[in-house]
């Protein structure tokens, strides 16, 4: 890590993170990588940079690295099917997150 004097934060001296090289090798977009690994777009961007917003080093967790290895091996994983009740709950939770994000965006724009 090296201190960026202009920004006042530490930045990675690594040219490309292992995560970025993995994504490039598979030819994935940032969104595709995030979806494949179950990460948010923000977390994916942090792993690509190798540092978080405060300049602290950021590395993929062990479970993420295992999924990365599975993808490199060409193994396609199929999620375990949830019960109908769990599927409905998942759908409701997703809707609530979308509504919350939309309301936050509207408030920020006002």
C-alpha atoms as a PDB file:
ATOM      1  CA  UNK A   1       0.000   0.000   0.000  1.00  0.00           C
ATOM      2  CA  UNK A   2       1.163   3.496  -0.735  1.00  0.00           C
ATOM      3  CA  UNK A   3      -0.298   6.822   0.411  1.00  0.00           C
ATOM      4  CA  UNK A   4      -1.876   8.893  -2.341  1.00  0.00           C
ATOM      5  CA  UNK A   5      -0.930  12.416  -1.204  1.00  0.00           C
ATOM      6  CA  UNK A   6      -3.653  14.099  -3.253  1.00  0.00           C
ATOM      7  CA  UNK A   7      -6.501  11.953  -1.959  1.00  0.00           C
ATOM      8  CA  UNK A   8      -5.010  11.289   1.467  1.00  0.00           C
ATOM      9  CA  UNK A   9      -5.793   7.570   1.261  1.00  0.00           C
ATOM     10  CA  UNK A  10      -3.806   4.419   0.774  1.00  0.00           C
ATOM     11  CA  UNK A  11      -4.037   2.807  -2.621  1.00  0.00           C
ATOM     12  CA  UNK A  12      -2.964  -0.593  -3.801  1.00  0.00           C
ATOM     13  CA  UNK A  13       0.438  -0.859  -5.494  1.00  0.00           C
ATOM     14  CA  UNK A  14      -0.783  -4.032  -7.177  1.00  0.00           C
ATOM     15  CA  UNK A  15      -1.426  -3.303 -10.838  1.00  0.00           C
ATOM     16  CA  UNK A  16      -4.333  -5.749 -11.073  1.00  0.00           C
ATOM     17  CA  UNK A  17      -5.846  -7.631  -8.183  1.00  0.00           C
ATOM     18  CA  UNK A  18      -6.313 -11.390  -8.331  1.00  0.00           C
ATOM     19  CA  UNK A  19     -10.037 -10.653  -8.421  1.00  0.00           C
ATOM     20  CA  UNK A  20      -9.631  -8.379 -11.459  1.00  0.00           C
ATOM     21  CA  UNK A  21      -7.464 -10.963 -13.229  1.00  0.00           C
ATOM     22  CA  UNK A  22     -10.067 -13.661 -12.480  1.00  0.00           C
ATOM     23  CA  UNK A  23     -12.857 -11.504 -13.908  1.00  0.00           C
ATOM     24  CA  UNK A  24     -10.817 -10.723 -17.011  1.00  0.00           C
ATOM     25  CA  UNK A  25      -9.959 -14.384 -17.562  1.00  0.00           C
ATOM     26  CA  UNK A  26     -13.638 -15.345 -17.496  1.00  0.00           C
ATOM     27  CA  UNK A  27     -14.643 -12.330 -19.587  1.00  0.00           C
ATOM     28  CA  UNK A  28     -17.251 -11.220 -17.057  1.00  0.00           C
ATOM     29  CA  UNK A  29     -18.716  -7.770 -16.665  1.00  0.00           C
ATOM     30  CA  UNK A  30     -18.689  -6.302 -13.170  1.00  0.00           C
ATOM     31  CA  UNK A  31     -22.398  -7.097 -12.858  1.00  0.00           C
ATOM     32  CA  UNK A  32     -21.946 -10.681 -14.037  1.00  0.00           C
ATOM     33  CA  UNK A  33     -19.108 -11.237 -11.554  1.00  0.00           C
ATOM     34  CA  UNK A  34     -21.209  -9.763  -8.730  1.00  0.00           C
ATOM     35  CA  UNK A  35     -24.194 -11.951  -9.581  1.00  0.00           C
ATOM     36  CA  UNK A  36     -22.101 -15.102  -9.969  1.00  0.00           C
ATOM     37  CA  UNK A  37     -20.500 -14.637  -6.550  1.00  0.00           C
ATOM     38  CA  UNK A  38     -23.502 -13.208  -4.712  1.00  0.00           C
ATOM     39  CA  UNK A  39     -21.776  -9.886  -4.086  1.00  0.00           C
ATOM     40  CA  UNK A  40     -23.089  -6.351  -4.318  1.00  0.00           C
ATOM     41  CA  UNK A  41     -21.824  -4.151  -7.130  1.00  0.00           C
ATOM     42  CA  UNK A  42     -20.110  -1.984  -4.506  1.00  0.00           C
ATOM     43  CA  UNK A  43     -18.267  -4.939  -2.966  1.00  0.00           C
ATOM     44  CA  UNK A  44     -17.265  -6.145  -6.420  1.00  0.00           C
ATOM     45  CA  UNK A  45     -15.829  -2.720  -7.275  1.00  0.00           C
ATOM     46  CA  UNK A  46     -13.871  -2.711  -4.005  1.00  0.00           C
ATOM     47  CA  UNK A  47     -12.390  -6.142  -4.768  1.00  0.00           C
ATOM     48  CA  UNK A  48     -11.438  -4.995  -8.259  1.00  0.00           C
ATOM     49  CA  UNK A  49      -9.556  -1.998  -6.810  1.00  0.00           C
ATOM     50  CA  UNK A  50      -8.094  -3.940  -3.912  1.00  0.00           C
ATOM     51  CA  UNK A  51      -8.900  -1.163  -1.443  1.00  0.00           C
ATOM     52  CA  UNK A  52     -12.082   0.092   0.190  1.00  0.00           C
ATOM     53  CA  UNK A  53     -13.313   3.683   0.291  1.00  0.00           C
ATOM     54  CA  UNK A  54     -11.051   4.460   3.251  1.00  0.00           C
ATOM     55  CA  UNK A  55      -7.977   3.098   1.504  1.00  0.00           C
ATOM     56  CA  UNK A  56      -7.829  -0.119   3.518  1.00  0.00           C
ATOM     57  CA  UNK A  57      -6.750  -3.322   1.744  1.00  0.00           C
ATOM     58  CA  UNK A  58      -9.672  -5.453   0.563  1.00  0.00           C
ATOM     59  CA  UNK A  59      -9.354  -9.140  -0.275  1.00  0.00           C
ATOM     60  CA  UNK A  60     -12.019 -11.659  -1.301  1.00  0.00           C
ATOM     61  CA  UNK A  61     -13.250 -13.864   1.543  1.00  0.00           C
ATOM     62  CA  UNK A  62     -12.408 -17.572   1.497  1.00  0.00           C
ATOM     63  CA  UNK A  63     -15.905 -18.573   0.362  1.00  0.00           C
ATOM     64  CA  UNK A  64     -15.691 -16.067  -2.491  1.00  0.00           C
ATOM     65  CA  UNK A  65     -12.284 -17.422  -3.541  1.00  0.00           C
ATOM     66  CA  UNK A  66     -13.711 -20.955  -3.554  1.00  0.00           C
ATOM     67  CA  UNK A  67     -16.531 -19.858  -5.862  1.00  0.00           C
ATOM     68  CA  UNK A  68     -13.975 -18.121  -8.071  1.00  0.00           C
ATOM     69  CA  UNK A  69     -12.034 -21.419  -8.330  1.00  0.00           C
ATOM     70  CA  UNK A  70     -15.213 -23.313  -9.217  1.00  0.00           C
ATOM     71  CA  UNK A  71     -15.963 -20.817 -11.992  1.00  0.00           C
ATOM     72  CA  UNK A  72     -12.408 -21.121 -13.348  1.00  0.00           C
ATOM     73  CA  UNK A  73     -12.814 -24.897 -13.437  1.00  0.00           C
ATOM     74  CA  UNK A  74     -15.889 -24.421 -15.628  1.00  0.00           C
ATOM     75  CA  UNK A  75     -18.243 -25.978 -13.113  1.00  0.00           C
ATOM     76  CA  UNK A  76     -21.697 -24.440 -13.284  1.00  0.00           C
ATOM     77  CA  UNK A  77     -23.460 -24.406  -9.934  1.00  0.00           C
ATOM     78  CA  UNK A  78     -27.210 -24.624  -9.657  1.00  0.00           C
ATOM     79  CA  UNK A  79     -28.703 -23.214  -6.453  1.00  0.00           C
ATOM     80  CA  UNK A  80     -30.659 -25.482  -4.160  1.00  0.00           C
ATOM     81  CA  UNK A  81     -34.359 -24.973  -4.786  1.00  0.00           C
ATOM     82  CA  UNK A  82     -36.151 -23.153  -1.994  1.00  0.00           C
ATOM     83  CA  UNK A  83     -39.590 -24.158  -0.736  1.00  0.00           C
ATOM     84  CA  UNK A  84     -42.553 -22.220  -2.132  1.00  0.00           C
ATOM     85  CA  UNK A  85     -42.783 -20.271   1.144  1.00  0.00           C
ATOM     86  CA  UNK A  86     -39.089 -19.367   1.048  1.00  0.00           C
ATOM     87  CA  UNK A  87     -39.358 -18.368  -2.613  1.00  0.00           C
ATOM     88  CA  UNK A  88     -42.254 -16.038  -1.761  1.00  0.00           C
ATOM     89  CA  UNK A  89     -40.275 -14.590   1.152  1.00  0.00           C
ATOM     90  CA  UNK A  90     -37.238 -14.045  -1.077  1.00  0.00           C
ATOM     91  CA  UNK A  91     -39.423 -12.248  -3.643  1.00  0.00           C
ATOM     92  CA  UNK A  92     -40.977 -10.026  -0.929  1.00  0.00           C
ATOM     93  CA  UNK A  93     -37.585  -9.137   0.528  1.00  0.00           C
ATOM     94  CA  UNK A  94     -36.272  -8.222  -2.932  1.00  0.00           C
ATOM     95  CA  UNK A  95     -39.308  -5.975  -3.529  1.00  0.00           C
ATOM     96  CA  UNK A  96     -38.784  -4.237  -0.175  1.00  0.00           C
ATOM     97  CA  UNK A  97     -35.124  -3.577  -0.995  1.00  0.00           C
ATOM     98  CA  UNK A  98     -36.080  -2.111  -4.377  1.00  0.00           C
ATOM     99  CA  UNK A  99     -38.763   0.106  -2.820  1.00  0.00           C
ATOM    100  CA  UNK A 100     -36.344   1.274  -0.115  1.00  0.00           C
ATOM    101  CA  UNK A 101     -33.644   2.092  -2.678  1.00  0.00           C
ATOM    102  CA  UNK A 102     -36.157   3.945  -4.848  1.00  0.00           C
ATOM    103  CA  UNK A 103     -37.457   5.978  -1.902  1.00  0.00           C
ATOM    104  CA  UNK A 104     -33.894   6.839  -0.853  1.00  0.00           C
ATOM    105  CA  UNK A 105     -33.030   7.933  -4.395  1.00  0.00           C
ATOM    106  CA  UNK A 106     -36.173  10.091  -4.612  1.00  0.00           C
ATOM    107  CA  UNK A 107     -35.398  11.725  -1.238  1.00  0.00           C
ATOM    108  CA  UNK A 108     -31.808  12.391  -2.301  1.00  0.00           C
ATOM    109  CA  UNK A 109     -32.993  13.997  -5.550  1.00  0.00           C
ATOM    110  CA  UNK A 110     -35.492  16.268  -3.762  1.00  0.00           C
END
